[in-house]
Amino acid sequence: MSTRPRSSLGRVLDDLGVTLLELVHGDVDATLDIGGVVIFDPVDEAVYPDSAVVLAVGVTDAAELAALIGELGAHGAAAVIVRSPVPVTDDVRAASDAHAVAVVGLARGATWTQLAALLRSLLAEDDIGEIADESLGGIPSGDLFAVANAIAALLDAPITIEDRSSRVLAFSGRQEEADASRAETIVGRQVPERYSRALTELGVFRDLYRYDRPVIVDPMDLGEGVTTQRVAIAVRAGDEVLGSIWAAMDGPLTAERTATLKDAAKLVALHLLRVRAGADVQRRLRAELVGTALEGGAGAREALSRLGLAEHVVLVLAGVLTGDDSVDDQLLVTDRERFADALAVHVSAVLPGSAVALVGDVVYGILPAGATPERTIAISQDFLDRVGGRMPAVIAVGSLAHDVTSIAQSRATADRVLRVIRRRASSRRVASIAEVQTESLLLELHDVIAARGEQPTGPVTTLLEYDRRHDTHLVESLKAWLDAFGDVGVAAAATFVHPNTLRYRLRRAAEVSGLDLDDPEQRFAAMLQLRMLSPR
């Protein structure tokens, strides 16, 4: 188990090991505390916290790397991570030594998004007083990577700790001693679907969650890529299954190994409960601060200060899942929290310092300087493309807020946009007010009419009543003709009738309602009333 400080570069490399990262050059103990994770963008000026770890995406040239190290040294960065194989030259070594910036290589196959999320999970701080000084079983409370390494030392086998969805929560060192499937699992932070399906078909998960004894999985049963036997045990808190421990080890499951796994499962349960409690408290605190800041009231400035955004020009975004909102059960709440956490990781990787939290059923983000509406739209679209159908959602982008009082206005703007795209009044998944302003105004006008209790009147209402009594399609034909700017052929095709039939319906509509279709004012009034009666 590593004895280095929890947030040091050396501790990060100890925890991740050679599976993901390798030290190429530099002193890992030169910096005790890492200040944050930043993704390098050559066309944008990033904000670097002290002792930052910089992900140099796309940097492959040695001269470019040496120049970047010099630039990062001026900002006090602790390390730069580049894709392996790293182009190490004398100039790169000299720059690393001169500026005290360690050079680290990222294994091929691992994505930058995965690395950013993993680093942030390792560097995340608890917001619960001095709880970091507490320990469970002699291990810092909630430090699952330390727990995994301790279990690995006792069993003499590489370990993963997984949740009920087979997502990897933590892993020990020595993963290179296992097989290709374990490496794939670590890189993806998730058991590959083909192995998960095989385990389900073999009844492994059924036995794992039914009994409190270890389960042995023959590598021959899992297919290509698995050459090492797996031994797993469920992690429980009372009747609730929190996750499982998986060891990649050959040989018989002796009584000593069984006892070790059972004791380890109890210890992991305590740490998982501690992590969950800490995450819940941190999530509630973040949601409270974000919610207070968005209100723009007396406590907004203090909330922004605690979020580190008090002196920034900010922008508010709002996102919701587009699943079945009628099912407001614990599963839906969990999905919303996962959506909020995923969006927080994605946005923070591009715009460090962003604050994202679930407030009610809406995920709000307060983004710092550099978050223009156009850039935020691109960031949000990239996020939705990445999560795909796993998290179907829409995101609305508010306006820039230059002071505390205008944050509430930015939030109101985001809410207006969100309402448009949630009601399918726009086909967009991501939008700003500039893109949906007309649809938003129509919805607000509809609200005003409804609030006043006014009953629809005029030619369109007369036509609606006539259609209802005579089973005709005059309103449908009129709307299609107006939408087609008077093009009878286009309108007829849209309503699947002959052009002469459409012309007859239009003449009949004018006769029934008294509408003068040659008068532009009456045409506009008819179009507006159609929108008011049935907003899209």
Protein backbone atom coordinates (compact mmCIF):
# COMPACT_ATOMS: atom_id res chain seq x y z
CA MET A 1 0.00 0.00 0.00
CA SER A 2 1.36 3.41 -0.93
CA THR A 3 2.43 5.68 1.92
CA ARG A 4 2.64 8.77 -0.28
CA PRO A 5 0.21 11.68 0.30
CA ARG A 6 -3.22 10.93 -1.17
CA SER A 7 -3.13 13.76 -3.72
CA SER A 8 0.51 13.56 -4.79
CA LEU A 9 1.67 12.67 -8.29
CA GLY A 10 3.58 9.72 -6.90
CA ARG A 11 0.44 8.39 -5.24
CA VAL A 12 -1.53 8.71 -8.50
CA LEU A 13 1.14 6.72 -10.36
CA ASP A 14 1.22 4.13 -7.57
CA ASP A 15 -2.55 3.67 -7.78
CA LEU A 16 -2.84 3.58 -11.56
CA GLY A 17 0.38 1.64 -12.16
CA VAL A 18 1.72 0.67 -15.53
CA THR A 19 -1.72 -0.33 -16.79
CA LEU A 20 -2.56 3.28 -17.65
CA LEU A 21 0.37 5.55 -16.82
CA GLU A 22 4.13 5.32 -16.73
CA LEU A 23 6.67 7.87 -15.54
CA VAL A 24 8.93 8.76 -18.46
CA HIS A 25 11.05 11.48 -16.86
CA GLY A 26 10.99 13.68 -13.78
CA ASP A 27 10.64 13.57 -10.00
CA VAL A 28 7.22 12.38 -8.87
CA ASP A 29 7.85 13.49 -5.28
CA ALA A 30 8.66 17.10 -6.15
CA THR A 31 4.99 18.10 -5.74
CA LEU A 32 3.03 16.96 -2.70
CA ASP A 33 -0.44 18.17 -3.70
CA ILE A 34 -1.87 18.22 -7.22
CA GLY A 35 -4.04 21.27 -7.75
CA GLY A 36 -6.22 19.99 -10.57
CA VAL A 37 -6.48 18.44 -14.05
CA VAL A 38 -6.36 20.57 -17.22
CA ILE A 39 -6.75 19.53 -20.86
CA PHE A 40 -4.28 21.40 -23.08
CA ASP A 41 -5.83 23.21 -26.03
CA PRO A 42 -3.34 24.87 -28.43
CA VAL A 43 -5.93 27.35 -29.73
CA ASP A 44 -7.29 28.43 -26.35
CA GLU A 45 -5.70 29.92 -23.26
CA ALA A 46 -6.38 27.62 -20.34
CA VAL A 47 -6.62 28.49 -16.66
CA TYR A 48 -3.98 26.50 -14.77
CA PRO A 49 -4.37 25.87 -11.04
CA ASP A 50 -1.16 25.50 -9.02
CA SER A 51 0.58 22.14 -9.50
CA ALA A 52 -1.79 21.08 -12.27
CA VAL A 53 -1.59 17.82 -14.19
CA VAL A 54 -1.94 18.73 -17.88
CA LEU A 55 -3.32 16.30 -20.46
CA ALA A 56 -1.45 17.12 -23.67
CA VAL A 57 -3.94 15.73 -26.17
CA GLY A 58 -2.48 15.49 -29.67
CA VAL A 59 1.09 16.44 -28.72
CA THR A 60 3.40 13.93 -30.44
CA ASP A 61 6.40 15.97 -31.57
CA ALA A 62 9.45 16.22 -29.27
CA ALA A 63 10.10 19.89 -30.04
CA GLU A 64 6.46 20.75 -29.40
CA LEU A 65 6.55 18.81 -26.12
CA ALA A 66 9.71 20.59 -24.95
CA ALA A 67 8.18 23.99 -25.72
CA LEU A 68 4.96 23.01 -23.94
CA ILE A 69 6.90 21.93 -20.84
CA GLY A 70 8.53 25.37 -20.74
CA GLU A 71 5.13 27.05 -20.97
CA LEU A 72 3.64 24.81 -18.30
CA GLY A 73 6.60 25.42 -16.01
CA ALA A 74 5.79 29.13 -16.09
CA HIS A 75 2.31 28.26 -14.80
CA GLY A 76 3.64 26.01 -12.03
CA ALA A 77 2.33 22.75 -13.50
CA ALA A 78 3.38 19.50 -11.82
CA ALA A 79 3.24 17.07 -14.77
CA VAL A 80 2.31 16.70 -18.41
CA ILE A 81 0.74 13.50 -19.76
CA VAL A 82 1.19 12.57 -23.42
CA ARG A 83 0.20 9.52 -25.43
CA SER A 84 2.76 6.69 -25.45
CA PRO A 85 5.23 6.19 -26.97
CA VAL A 86 6.53 9.49 -25.61
CA PRO A 87 9.09 11.30 -27.81
CA VAL A 88 11.82 11.75 -25.18
CA THR A 89 14.86 13.70 -26.38
CA ASP A 90 17.63 15.55 -24.57
CA ASP A 91 15.66 18.79 -25.01
CA VAL A 92 12.57 17.21 -23.41
CA ARG A 93 14.62 15.91 -20.46
CA ALA A 94 16.34 19.26 -20.03
CA ALA A 95 13.04 21.14 -20.09
CA SER A 96 11.52 18.69 -17.59
CA ASP A 97 14.45 19.10 -15.18
CA ALA A 98 14.62 22.88 -15.58
CA HIS A 99 10.93 23.50 -14.95
CA ALA A 100 10.25 20.60 -12.54
CA VAL A 101 7.50 19.25 -14.78
CA ALA A 102 7.31 15.46 -14.83
CA VAL A 103 6.61 13.72 -18.15
CA VAL A 104 4.15 10.82 -18.01
CA GLY A 105 2.96 8.47 -20.77
CA LEU A 106 -0.64 7.34 -21.28
CA ALA A 107 -1.07 3.76 -22.49
CA ARG A 108 -2.57 3.22 -25.92
CA GLY A 109 -6.21 2.16 -25.81
CA ALA A 110 -7.08 4.43 -22.89
CA THR A 111 -9.11 7.50 -23.81
CA TRP A 112 -8.42 10.99 -22.54
CA THR A 113 -11.98 11.23 -21.21
CA GLN A 114 -11.48 8.09 -19.14
CA LEU A 115 -8.17 9.40 -17.81
CA ALA A 116 -9.65 12.78 -16.87
CA ALA A 117 -12.52 11.12 -15.00
CA LEU A 118 -10.16 8.71 -13.25
CA LEU A 119 -7.74 11.43 -12.16
CA ARG A 120 -10.56 13.56 -10.81
CA SER A 121 -11.96 10.63 -8.86
CA LEU A 122 -8.52 10.07 -7.31
CA LEU A 123 -8.01 13.75 -6.51
CA ALA A 124 -11.55 14.43 -5.29
CA GLU A 125 -11.60 15.92 -1.83
CA ASP A 126 -14.16 15.14 0.86
CA ASP A 127 -16.25 18.11 2.00
CA ILE A 128 -16.90 16.60 5.40
CA GLY A 129 -14.73 18.40 7.93
CA GLU A 130 -11.60 16.52 8.93
CA ILE A 131 -12.95 13.16 7.82
CA ALA A 132 -9.87 12.49 5.70
CA ASP A 133 -7.94 11.78 8.91
CA GLU A 134 -10.29 8.94 9.86
CA SER A 135 -9.44 5.36 9.03
CA LEU A 136 -11.26 2.08 8.61
CA GLY A 137 -9.22 -1.05 9.17
CA GLY A 138 -6.05 1.06 9.24
CA ILE A 139 -6.74 2.52 5.78
CA PRO A 140 -7.80 6.15 5.13
CA SER A 141 -11.59 6.27 5.11
CA GLY A 142 -13.06 6.01 1.63
CA ASP A 143 -9.72 5.33 -0.10
CA LEU A 144 -10.82 2.37 -2.23
CA PHE A 145 -7.56 2.22 -4.16
CA ALA A 146 -5.65 1.73 -0.91
CA VAL A 147 -8.16 -0.95 0.09
CA ALA A 148 -7.68 -2.73 -3.26
CA ASN A 149 -3.91 -2.68 -2.85
CA ALA A 150 -4.17 -4.02 0.69
CA ILE A 151 -6.40 -6.91 -0.41
CA ALA A 152 -4.07 -7.62 -3.35
CA ALA A 153 -1.14 -7.88 -0.95
CA LEU A 154 -3.03 -10.34 1.28
CA LEU A 155 -4.20 -12.52 -1.63
CA ASP A 156 -1.07 -12.05 -3.74
CA ALA A 157 -3.30 -11.28 -6.75
CA PRO A 158 -4.47 -8.18 -8.63
CA ILE A 159 -7.85 -6.92 -7.42
CA THR A 160 -10.74 -4.86 -8.76
CA ILE A 161 -13.61 -3.45 -6.71
CA GLU A 162 -16.77 -3.10 -8.81
CA ASP A 163 -20.30 -1.83 -8.32
CA ARG A 164 -23.46 -3.76 -9.19
CA SER A 165 -23.28 -2.59 -12.80
CA SER A 166 -19.74 -4.01 -13.18
CA ARG A 167 -18.22 -0.54 -13.25
CA VAL A 168 -14.71 -0.48 -11.77
CA LEU A 169 -14.63 1.67 -8.64
CA ALA A 170 -10.99 0.97 -7.80
CA PHE A 171 -8.20 -1.44 -8.65
CA SER A 172 -4.89 -2.55 -7.20
CA GLY A 173 -1.46 -2.54 -8.73
CA ARG A 174 0.08 -5.49 -10.58
CA GLN A 175 -2.76 -5.61 -13.10
CA GLU A 176 -0.19 -6.43 -15.77
CA GLU A 177 0.12 -9.86 -14.14
CA ALA A 178 -3.46 -10.70 -15.15
CA ASP A 179 -4.72 -11.26 -18.69
CA ALA A 180 -5.87 -9.12 -21.62
CA SER A 181 -9.48 -9.00 -20.43
CA ARG A 182 -8.45 -7.43 -17.11
CA ALA A 183 -6.40 -4.79 -18.92
CA GLU A 184 -9.43 -4.01 -21.10
CA THR A 185 -11.59 -3.73 -17.99
CA ILE A 186 -9.18 -1.32 -16.29
CA VAL A 187 -8.77 0.89 -19.34
CA GLY A 188 -12.53 1.14 -19.87
CA ARG A 189 -13.38 1.30 -16.13
CA GLN A 190 -16.12 -1.23 -16.99
CA VAL A 191 -16.27 -4.99 -17.46
CA PRO A 192 -16.65 -5.47 -21.25
CA GLU A 193 -20.21 -6.32 -22.24
CA ARG A 194 -19.32 -9.71 -23.74
CA TYR A 195 -17.78 -10.90 -20.45
CA SER A 196 -20.62 -9.45 -18.40
CA ARG A 197 -23.12 -11.28 -20.61
CA ALA A 198 -21.19 -14.53 -20.24
CA LEU A 199 -21.10 -14.17 -16.45
CA THR A 200 -24.84 -13.61 -16.43
CA GLU A 201 -25.51 -16.67 -18.60
CA LEU A 202 -23.27 -18.81 -16.38
CA GLY A 203 -25.28 -17.73 -13.33
CA VAL A 204 -22.22 -16.15 -11.70
CA PHE A 205 -24.00 -12.94 -10.70
CA ARG A 206 -26.95 -14.93 -9.38
CA ASP A 207 -24.71 -17.01 -7.12
CA LEU A 208 -22.56 -14.02 -6.24
CA TYR A 209 -25.46 -11.97 -4.92
CA ARG A 210 -27.33 -14.92 -3.38
CA TYR A 211 -24.53 -16.31 -1.19
CA ASP A 212 -21.89 -14.81 1.08
CA ARG A 213 -19.15 -17.16 -0.07
CA PRO A 214 -16.65 -16.63 -2.90
CA VAL A 215 -17.55 -17.71 -6.43
CA ILE A 216 -14.97 -19.28 -8.76
CA VAL A 217 -15.07 -18.60 -12.50
CA ASP A 218 -13.15 -20.89 -14.86
CA PRO A 219 -11.35 -18.79 -17.51
CA MET A 220 -12.32 -21.34 -20.16
CA ASP A 221 -15.98 -20.37 -19.63
CA LEU A 222 -15.43 -16.71 -20.50
CA GLY A 223 -13.84 -17.03 -23.90
CA GLU A 224 -10.94 -15.35 -25.66
CA GLY A 225 -8.79 -12.94 -23.67
CA VAL A 226 -9.32 -14.63 -20.29
CA THR A 227 -6.51 -16.91 -19.16
CA THR A 228 -6.55 -16.37 -15.40
CA GLN A 229 -9.11 -17.80 -12.98
CA ARG A 230 -11.45 -15.28 -11.34
CA VAL A 231 -12.57 -15.44 -7.74
CA ALA A 232 -15.28 -13.01 -6.65
CA ILE A 233 -17.24 -12.20 -3.52
CA ALA A 234 -20.18 -9.87 -3.00
CA VAL A 235 -19.86 -6.78 -0.82
CA ARG A 236 -22.92 -6.36 1.41
CA ALA A 237 -24.33 -3.92 3.92
CA GLY A 238 -27.05 -5.94 5.61
CA ASP A 239 -29.33 -7.22 2.85
CA GLU A 240 -28.13 -4.64 0.33
CA VAL A 241 -25.49 -5.69 -2.21
CA LEU A 242 -23.13 -2.74 -2.73
CA GLY A 243 -20.78 -4.34 -5.23
CA SER A 244 -18.15 -7.06 -5.44
CA ILE A 245 -14.45 -7.85 -5.20
CA TRP A 246 -12.76 -9.67 -8.08
CA ALA A 247 -9.38 -11.35 -7.82
CA ALA A 248 -7.46 -12.66 -10.83
CA MET A 249 -5.64 -15.66 -9.38
CA ASP A 250 -5.02 -19.26 -10.26
CA GLY A 251 -4.81 -22.15 -7.86
CA PRO A 252 -7.25 -23.61 -5.34
CA LEU A 253 -9.48 -21.45 -3.17
CA THR A 254 -8.02 -22.40 0.19
CA ALA A 255 -9.70 -21.81 3.53
CA GLU A 256 -7.20 -19.02 4.19
CA ARG A 257 -8.02 -17.26 0.92
CA THR A 258 -11.75 -17.66 1.59
CA ALA A 259 -11.41 -16.13 5.05
CA THR A 260 -9.34 -13.27 3.60
CA LEU A 261 -11.98 -12.52 0.97
CA LYS A 262 -14.81 -12.58 3.53
CA ASP A 263 -12.94 -10.20 5.83
CA ALA A 264 -12.06 -7.98 2.87
CA ALA A 265 -15.71 -7.82 1.79
CA LYS A 266 -16.69 -6.49 5.24
CA LEU A 267 -13.94 -3.85 5.10
CA VAL A 268 -14.86 -2.79 1.56
CA ALA A 269 -18.50 -2.48 2.62
CA LEU A 270 -17.52 0.04 5.30
CA HIS A 271 -15.47 2.06 2.82
CA LEU A 272 -18.21 1.95 0.17
CA LEU A 273 -20.76 3.18 2.69
CA ARG A 274 -18.33 5.92 3.70
CA VAL A 275 -17.75 6.89 0.06
CA ARG A 276 -21.49 6.90 -0.60
CA ALA A 277 -22.16 9.01 2.47
CA GLY A 278 -19.41 11.43 1.51
CA ALA A 279 -20.65 11.62 -2.08
CA ASP A 280 -24.21 12.24 -0.88
CA VAL A 281 -23.10 15.04 1.43
CA GLN A 282 -20.86 16.56 -1.22
CA ARG A 283 -23.63 16.31 -3.80
CA ARG A 284 -26.13 17.97 -1.48
CA LEU A 285 -23.68 20.72 -0.58
CA ARG A 286 -22.87 21.38 -4.23
CA ALA A 287 -26.57 21.40 -5.14
CA GLU A 288 -27.32 23.84 -2.32
CA LEU A 289 -24.53 26.20 -3.38
CA VAL A 290 -25.47 26.05 -7.06
CA GLY A 291 -29.16 26.54 -6.26
CA THR A 292 -28.40 29.52 -4.02
CA ALA A 293 -26.18 31.12 -6.66
CA LEU A 294 -28.84 30.66 -9.34
CA GLU A 295 -31.45 32.44 -7.22
CA GLY A 296 -29.36 35.61 -7.35
CA GLY A 297 -30.46 36.65 -3.86
CA ALA A 298 -28.55 37.81 -0.79
CA GLY A 299 -26.63 34.55 -0.43
CA ALA A 300 -25.64 34.29 -4.10
CA ARG A 301 -22.30 36.06 -3.73
CA GLU A 302 -21.20 33.89 -0.82
CA ALA A 303 -22.30 30.74 -2.68
CA LEU A 304 -20.32 31.80 -5.75
CA SER A 305 -17.29 32.48 -3.56
CA ARG A 306 -17.47 28.99 -2.10
CA LEU A 307 -17.75 27.61 -5.62
CA GLY A 308 -14.72 29.67 -6.69
CA LEU A 309 -16.72 31.63 -9.28
CA ALA A 310 -17.29 34.99 -7.56
CA GLU A 311 -14.95 36.99 -9.77
CA HIS A 312 -15.82 35.34 -13.09
CA VAL A 313 -18.11 36.16 -15.96
CA VAL A 314 -20.23 33.02 -15.97
CA LEU A 315 -22.89 31.29 -18.02
CA VAL A 316 -25.67 28.96 -16.89
CA LEU A 317 -26.65 25.76 -18.69
CA ALA A 318 -29.58 23.48 -17.87
CA GLY A 319 -30.06 19.85 -18.85
CA VAL A 320 -32.65 17.14 -18.30
CA LEU A 321 -33.01 13.50 -19.19
CA THR A 322 -35.69 12.88 -21.78
CA GLY A 323 -36.80 9.51 -20.41
CA ASP A 324 -40.11 8.76 -18.69
CA ASP A 325 -40.56 11.63 -16.23
CA SER A 326 -43.79 10.06 -14.95
CA VAL A 327 -41.78 7.39 -13.12
CA ASP A 328 -40.30 9.35 -10.23
CA ASP A 329 -38.80 6.42 -8.36
CA GLN A 330 -35.36 5.82 -6.94
CA LEU A 331 -34.09 4.50 -10.27
CA LEU A 332 -34.99 7.76 -11.99
CA VAL A 333 -33.28 9.74 -9.22
CA THR A 334 -30.16 7.62 -9.64
CA ASP A 335 -30.20 8.16 -13.41
CA ARG A 336 -30.44 11.91 -12.87
CA GLU A 337 -27.52 11.85 -10.46
CA ARG A 338 -25.44 9.82 -12.91
CA PHE A 339 -26.32 12.30 -15.65
CA ALA A 340 -25.28 15.20 -13.40
CA ASP A 341 -22.00 13.51 -12.46
CA ALA A 342 -21.17 12.64 -16.08
CA LEU A 343 -21.93 16.18 -17.28
CA ALA A 344 -19.85 17.62 -14.41
CA VAL A 345 -16.82 15.52 -15.39
CA HIS A 346 -17.14 16.41 -19.07
CA VAL A 347 -17.64 20.14 -18.57
CA SER A 348 -14.94 20.44 -15.89
CA ALA A 349 -12.42 18.72 -18.16
CA VAL A 350 -12.83 21.52 -20.71
CA LEU A 351 -13.65 24.42 -18.38
CA PRO A 352 -11.93 23.85 -15.00
CA GLY A 353 -13.78 25.43 -12.12
CA SER A 354 -17.26 24.72 -13.48
CA ALA A 355 -19.94 23.90 -10.90
CA VAL A 356 -22.59 21.35 -11.94
CA ALA A 357 -25.35 19.99 -9.70
CA LEU A 358 -28.79 18.42 -9.78
CA VAL A 359 -31.37 20.95 -8.55
CA GLY A 360 -34.82 19.38 -8.52
CA ASP A 361 -35.07 17.36 -11.72
CA VAL A 362 -32.85 19.73 -13.71
CA VAL A 363 -29.05 19.60 -13.89
CA TYR A 364 -27.66 23.13 -13.78
CA GLY A 365 -24.13 24.18 -14.53
CA ILE A 366 -22.41 27.48 -13.77
CA LEU A 367 -19.52 27.78 -16.19
CA PRO A 368 -16.62 30.23 -15.70
CA ALA A 369 -14.78 32.57 -18.08
CA GLY A 370 -14.34 31.20 -21.58
CA ALA A 371 -17.83 29.69 -21.68
CA THR A 372 -19.38 31.64 -24.52
CA PRO A 373 -22.80 30.44 -25.70
CA GLU A 374 -21.26 29.14 -28.92
CA ARG A 375 -18.51 27.21 -27.13
CA THR A 376 -20.93 25.86 -24.52
CA ILE A 377 -23.21 24.58 -27.28
CA ALA A 378 -20.26 22.74 -28.83
CA ILE A 379 -19.21 21.29 -25.46
CA SER A 380 -22.77 20.18 -24.69
CA GLN A 381 -23.27 18.65 -28.13
CA ASP A 382 -20.03 16.73 -27.77
CA PHE A 383 -21.20 15.41 -24.39
CA LEU A 384 -24.56 14.22 -25.76
CA ASP A 385 -22.81 12.57 -28.71
CA ARG A 386 -20.53 10.71 -26.31
CA VAL A 387 -23.24 9.41 -23.97
CA GLY A 388 -25.53 8.60 -26.90
CA GLY A 389 -28.62 6.55 -26.10
CA ARG A 390 -27.36 5.61 -22.63
CA MET A 391 -28.41 9.04 -21.36
CA PRO A 392 -30.93 10.61 -23.75
CA ALA A 393 -31.08 14.26 -22.74
CA VAL A 394 -31.42 17.86 -23.89
CA ILE A 395 -29.32 20.83 -22.79
CA ALA A 396 -30.20 24.53 -22.83
CA VAL A 397 -27.62 27.32 -22.79
CA GLY A 398 -28.30 30.58 -20.98
CA SER A 399 -26.89 34.06 -21.48
CA LEU A 400 -23.61 35.49 -20.16
CA ALA A 401 -23.81 36.84 -16.60
CA HIS A 402 -21.37 39.64 -15.81
CA ASP A 403 -22.39 40.01 -12.16
CA VAL A 404 -24.26 38.20 -9.39
CA THR A 405 -27.64 39.73 -10.18
CA SER A 406 -27.56 38.66 -13.82
CA ILE A 407 -26.95 34.99 -12.95
CA ALA A 408 -30.66 34.61 -12.17
CA GLN A 409 -31.41 36.07 -15.62
CA SER A 410 -29.03 33.59 -17.26
CA ARG A 411 -30.79 30.77 -15.41
CA ALA A 412 -34.21 32.08 -16.51
CA THR A 413 -32.99 32.20 -20.10
CA ALA A 414 -31.74 28.61 -19.88
CA ASP A 415 -35.09 27.55 -18.42
CA ARG A 416 -36.95 29.21 -21.32
CA VAL A 417 -34.79 27.42 -23.86
CA LEU A 418 -35.13 24.14 -21.99
CA ARG A 419 -38.90 24.45 -22.04
CA VAL A 420 -38.88 24.85 -25.82
CA ILE A 421 -36.73 21.82 -26.54
CA ARG A 422 -38.46 19.66 -23.91
CA ARG A 423 -41.86 20.34 -25.50
CA ARG A 424 -40.45 19.36 -28.89
CA ALA A 425 -41.08 22.91 -30.11
CA SER A 426 -37.58 22.58 -31.55
CA SER A 427 -35.83 19.57 -33.06
CA ARG A 428 -32.54 20.53 -31.41
CA ARG A 429 -31.00 18.64 -28.50
CA VAL A 430 -28.83 21.63 -27.58
CA ALA A 431 -29.84 25.24 -28.10
CA SER A 432 -29.41 28.82 -26.93
CA ILE A 433 -32.07 31.52 -26.81
CA ALA A 434 -30.83 32.97 -30.10
CA GLU A 435 -31.85 29.73 -31.84
CA VAL A 436 -35.30 29.25 -30.29
CA GLN A 437 -36.40 32.77 -29.37
CA THR A 438 -39.45 32.75 -31.63
CA GLU A 439 -40.68 29.41 -30.29
CA SER A 440 -40.09 30.64 -26.74
CA LEU A 441 -42.11 33.81 -27.32
CA LEU A 442 -44.98 31.78 -28.77
CA LEU A 443 -45.06 29.55 -25.70
CA GLU A 444 -45.03 32.58 -23.42
CA LEU A 445 -47.84 34.20 -25.41
CA HIS A 446 -49.82 30.98 -25.09
CA ASP A 447 -49.28 31.15 -21.31
CA VAL A 448 -50.50 34.74 -21.15
CA ILE A 449 -53.71 33.85 -22.99
CA ALA A 450 -54.29 30.86 -20.74
CA ALA A 451 -53.58 32.89 -17.59
CA ARG A 452 -56.14 35.49 -18.60
CA GLY A 453 -58.70 32.77 -19.16
CA GLU A 454 -59.44 34.05 -22.65
CA GLN A 455 -61.37 31.70 -24.93
CA PRO A 456 -60.09 31.35 -28.50
CA THR A 457 -62.14 33.33 -31.01
CA GLY A 458 -61.90 34.38 -34.63
CA PRO A 459 -61.82 32.65 -38.02
CA VAL A 460 -59.62 29.74 -36.95
CA THR A 461 -61.88 28.89 -34.02
CA THR A 462 -64.87 28.96 -36.37
CA LEU A 463 -63.09 26.55 -38.70
CA LEU A 464 -62.17 24.22 -35.83
CA GLU A 465 -65.84 24.02 -34.80
CA TYR A 466 -66.92 23.46 -38.41
CA ASP A 467 -64.38 20.63 -38.82
CA ARG A 468 -65.58 19.04 -35.60
CA ARG A 469 -69.25 19.08 -36.65
CA HIS A 470 -68.78 18.03 -40.29
CA ASP A 471 -65.64 15.86 -40.05
CA THR A 472 -63.78 18.05 -42.57
CA HIS A 473 -60.14 19.10 -42.76
CA LEU A 474 -60.32 22.84 -43.39
CA VAL A 475 -57.96 23.86 -40.56
CA GLU A 476 -55.38 21.25 -41.60
CA SER A 477 -55.49 22.47 -45.19
CA LEU A 478 -55.28 26.13 -44.18
CA LYS A 479 -52.28 25.48 -41.95
CA ALA A 480 -50.44 23.51 -44.63
CA TRP A 481 -51.06 26.30 -47.16
CA LEU A 482 -49.83 29.00 -44.77
CA ASP A 483 -46.75 26.96 -43.85
CA ALA A 484 -46.01 26.52 -47.58
CA PHE A 485 -46.20 30.31 -48.17
CA GLY A 486 -49.20 29.86 -50.45
CA ASP A 487 -47.65 27.12 -52.61
CA VAL A 488 -50.65 24.90 -53.38
CA GLY A 489 -48.50 22.04 -54.73
CA VAL A 490 -46.35 21.84 -51.59
CA ALA A 491 -49.37 22.14 -49.28
CA ALA A 492 -51.28 19.46 -51.21
CA ALA A 493 -48.32 17.07 -50.96
CA ALA A 494 -48.05 17.74 -47.22
CA THR A 495 -51.73 16.84 -46.71
CA PHE A 496 -51.72 13.98 -49.25
CA VAL A 497 -54.51 15.41 -51.43
CA HIS A 498 -54.80 16.61 -55.02
CA PRO A 499 -54.02 20.33 -55.57
CA ASN A 500 -57.58 20.91 -56.80
CA THR A 501 -58.91 19.38 -53.60
CA LEU A 502 -56.73 21.73 -51.58
CA ARG A 503 -57.93 24.74 -53.59
CA TYR A 504 -61.54 23.72 -52.92
CA ARG A 505 -60.84 23.40 -49.19
CA LEU A 506 -59.22 26.85 -49.09
CA ARG A 507 -62.24 28.45 -50.83
CA ARG A 508 -64.54 26.62 -48.43
CA ALA A 509 -62.46 27.78 -45.45
CA ALA A 510 -62.76 31.39 -46.58
CA GLU A 511 -66.52 31.03 -47.01
CA VAL A 512 -67.08 29.40 -43.61
CA SER A 513 -64.82 31.69 -41.57
CA GLY A 514 -64.93 34.95 -43.51
CA LEU A 515 -61.13 34.90 -43.69
CA ASP A 516 -59.66 36.98 -46.53
CA LEU A 517 -56.61 34.98 -47.65
CA ASP A 518 -55.47 37.88 -49.87
CA ASP A 519 -55.05 40.13 -46.82
CA PRO A 520 -51.50 39.74 -45.32
CA GLU A 521 -52.68 40.94 -41.89
CA GLN A 522 -55.44 38.30 -41.76
CA ARG A 523 -53.02 35.62 -42.93
CA PHE A 524 -50.56 36.53 -40.18
CA ALA A 525 -53.34 36.58 -37.57
CA ALA A 526 -54.48 33.14 -38.72
CA MET A 527 -50.93 31.74 -38.51
CA LEU A 528 -50.46 33.18 -35.02
CA GLN A 529 -53.78 31.84 -33.78
CA LEU A 530 -52.96 28.38 -35.13
CA ARG A 531 -49.74 28.46 -33.10
CA MET A 532 -51.58 29.66 -30.00
CA LEU A 533 -54.25 26.99 -30.25
CA SER A 534 -51.75 24.19 -30.67
CA PRO A 535 -48.10 25.11 -29.96
CA ARG A 536 -45.77 22.50 -31.36
